[in-house]
């Protein structure tokens, strides 16, 4: 008998390798990474530093010639086996309506196979 896994995501997600800069709110330095996937509700990327869940981040995500600057919160963090890297799930807590609309259209476009 096959068990169905309940999908907890609220928004469609696509795989996307895009540059992301992030800064822990209140700290001076920025770090860089690449996104793994993205949705209107958040983004996943890898990192060499542990960042505790619930930590707020200032993000800069480059998609084509557009720079999205949401504020996110670390929803989860998992170590990547046999490395000293982590995979982070970031939930967007602030993303203006214009950029949210752009991101939704971009995701729809990519899901169509273009």
Protein backbone atom coordinates (compact mmCIF):
# COMPACT_ATOMS: atom_id res chain seq x y z
CA UNK A 1 0.00 0.00 0.00
CA UNK A 2 1.47 3.33 -1.08
CA UNK A 3 1.45 6.17 1.45
CA UNK A 4 0.79 9.66 0.21
CA UNK A 5 3.06 12.36 1.55
CA UNK A 6 1.21 15.53 2.48
CA UNK A 7 2.52 18.56 0.61
CA UNK A 8 2.99 21.43 3.05
CA UNK A 9 4.05 24.06 0.52
CA UNK A 10 1.53 26.79 -0.20
CA UNK A 11 3.13 28.02 -3.44
CA UNK A 12 4.44 26.28 -6.58
CA UNK A 13 8.21 26.01 -6.59
CA UNK A 14 10.73 25.80 -9.42
CA UNK A 15 14.39 24.84 -9.51
CA UNK A 16 16.47 27.93 -10.14
CA UNK A 17 20.19 28.64 -9.91
CA UNK A 18 20.34 32.40 -9.41
CA UNK A 19 22.79 34.58 -7.47
CA UNK A 20 21.65 35.53 -3.98
CA UNK A 21 23.33 37.90 -1.53
CA UNK A 22 22.16 37.82 2.05
CA UNK A 23 22.83 39.61 5.30
CA UNK A 24 21.76 38.63 8.77
CA UNK A 25 19.73 41.62 9.93
CA UNK A 26 21.82 43.82 12.18
CA UNK A 27 25.19 42.48 10.97
CA UNK A 28 27.48 44.38 8.58
CA UNK A 29 28.71 41.66 6.19
CA UNK A 30 26.96 40.14 3.19
CA UNK A 31 27.49 36.57 2.00
CA UNK A 32 26.84 35.09 -1.45
CA UNK A 33 25.27 31.87 -2.63
CA UNK A 34 23.12 30.38 -5.39
CA UNK A 35 19.46 29.61 -5.05
CA UNK A 36 18.40 25.97 -5.37
CA UNK A 37 14.70 26.64 -5.83
CA UNK A 38 12.25 29.49 -5.39
CA UNK A 39 8.55 30.21 -4.96
CA UNK A 40 6.49 33.31 -4.28
CA UNK A 41 6.66 32.33 -0.60
CA UNK A 42 10.38 31.68 -0.21
CA UNK A 43 13.71 30.43 -1.45
CA UNK A 44 16.16 27.62 -0.74
CA UNK A 45 19.94 27.99 -0.97
CA UNK A 46 23.12 26.41 0.39
CA UNK A 47 25.55 28.04 2.75
CA UNK A 48 28.72 27.32 4.72
CA UNK A 49 27.47 28.99 7.92
CA UNK A 50 24.85 27.76 10.37
CA UNK A 51 22.08 30.35 10.67
CA UNK A 52 19.54 29.58 13.37
CA UNK A 53 15.86 29.13 12.48
CA UNK A 54 13.75 32.29 12.93
CA UNK A 55 16.75 34.51 12.02
CA UNK A 56 15.75 37.41 9.75
CA UNK A 57 17.77 37.96 6.57
CA UNK A 58 17.99 40.81 4.09
CA UNK A 59 18.12 39.18 0.63
CA UNK A 60 19.11 40.30 -2.85
CA UNK A 61 18.12 37.78 -5.54
CA UNK A 62 19.04 38.43 -9.19
CA UNK A 63 16.54 37.06 -11.71
CA UNK A 64 17.37 38.15 -15.26
CA UNK A 65 18.03 41.88 -14.97
CA UNK A 66 15.74 42.28 -11.96
CA UNK A 67 16.96 42.51 -8.38
CA UNK A 68 14.45 41.30 -5.78
CA UNK A 69 15.12 42.52 -2.23
CA UNK A 70 12.82 40.60 0.11
CA UNK A 71 13.22 40.19 3.83
CA UNK A 72 13.17 36.54 4.80
CA UNK A 73 13.17 34.36 7.88
CA UNK A 74 15.04 31.08 8.18
CA UNK A 75 12.27 28.46 8.33
CA UNK A 76 14.60 25.44 8.47
CA UNK A 77 18.24 24.48 8.09
CA UNK A 78 19.68 21.03 7.33
CA UNK A 79 23.30 19.91 7.17
CA UNK A 80 24.39 18.50 3.81
CA UNK A 81 25.98 15.08 4.28
CA UNK A 82 29.74 14.68 3.89
CA UNK A 83 30.32 18.43 3.71
CA UNK A 84 30.46 21.45 5.96
CA UNK A 85 27.55 23.11 4.16
CA UNK A 86 23.90 23.64 5.03
CA UNK A 87 20.69 23.85 3.01
CA UNK A 88 18.44 26.68 4.21
CA UNK A 89 14.74 27.22 3.62
CA UNK A 90 13.88 30.90 3.77
CA UNK A 91 10.31 32.16 4.06
CA UNK A 92 9.67 35.62 2.63
CA UNK A 93 8.15 37.88 5.28
CA UNK A 94 8.34 41.07 3.19
CA UNK A 95 8.20 41.24 -0.62
CA UNK A 96 6.52 44.20 -2.28
CA UNK A 97 3.52 43.55 -4.52
CA UNK A 98 5.30 44.48 -7.78
CA UNK A 99 8.16 42.04 -7.19
CA UNK A 100 5.80 39.34 -5.91
CA UNK A 101 3.80 39.68 -9.13
CA UNK A 102 7.01 39.54 -11.23
CA UNK A 103 8.14 36.40 -9.39
CA UNK A 104 4.73 34.71 -9.79
CA UNK A 105 4.76 35.41 -13.54
CA UNK A 106 8.36 34.19 -13.85
CA UNK A 107 7.51 30.93 -12.04
CA UNK A 108 4.42 30.38 -14.22
CA UNK A 109 6.52 31.03 -17.34
CA UNK A 110 9.19 28.52 -16.22
CA UNK A 111 6.60 25.90 -15.25
CA UNK A 112 5.20 26.12 -18.79
CA UNK A 113 8.60 24.91 -20.00
CA UNK A 114 10.00 28.11 -21.46
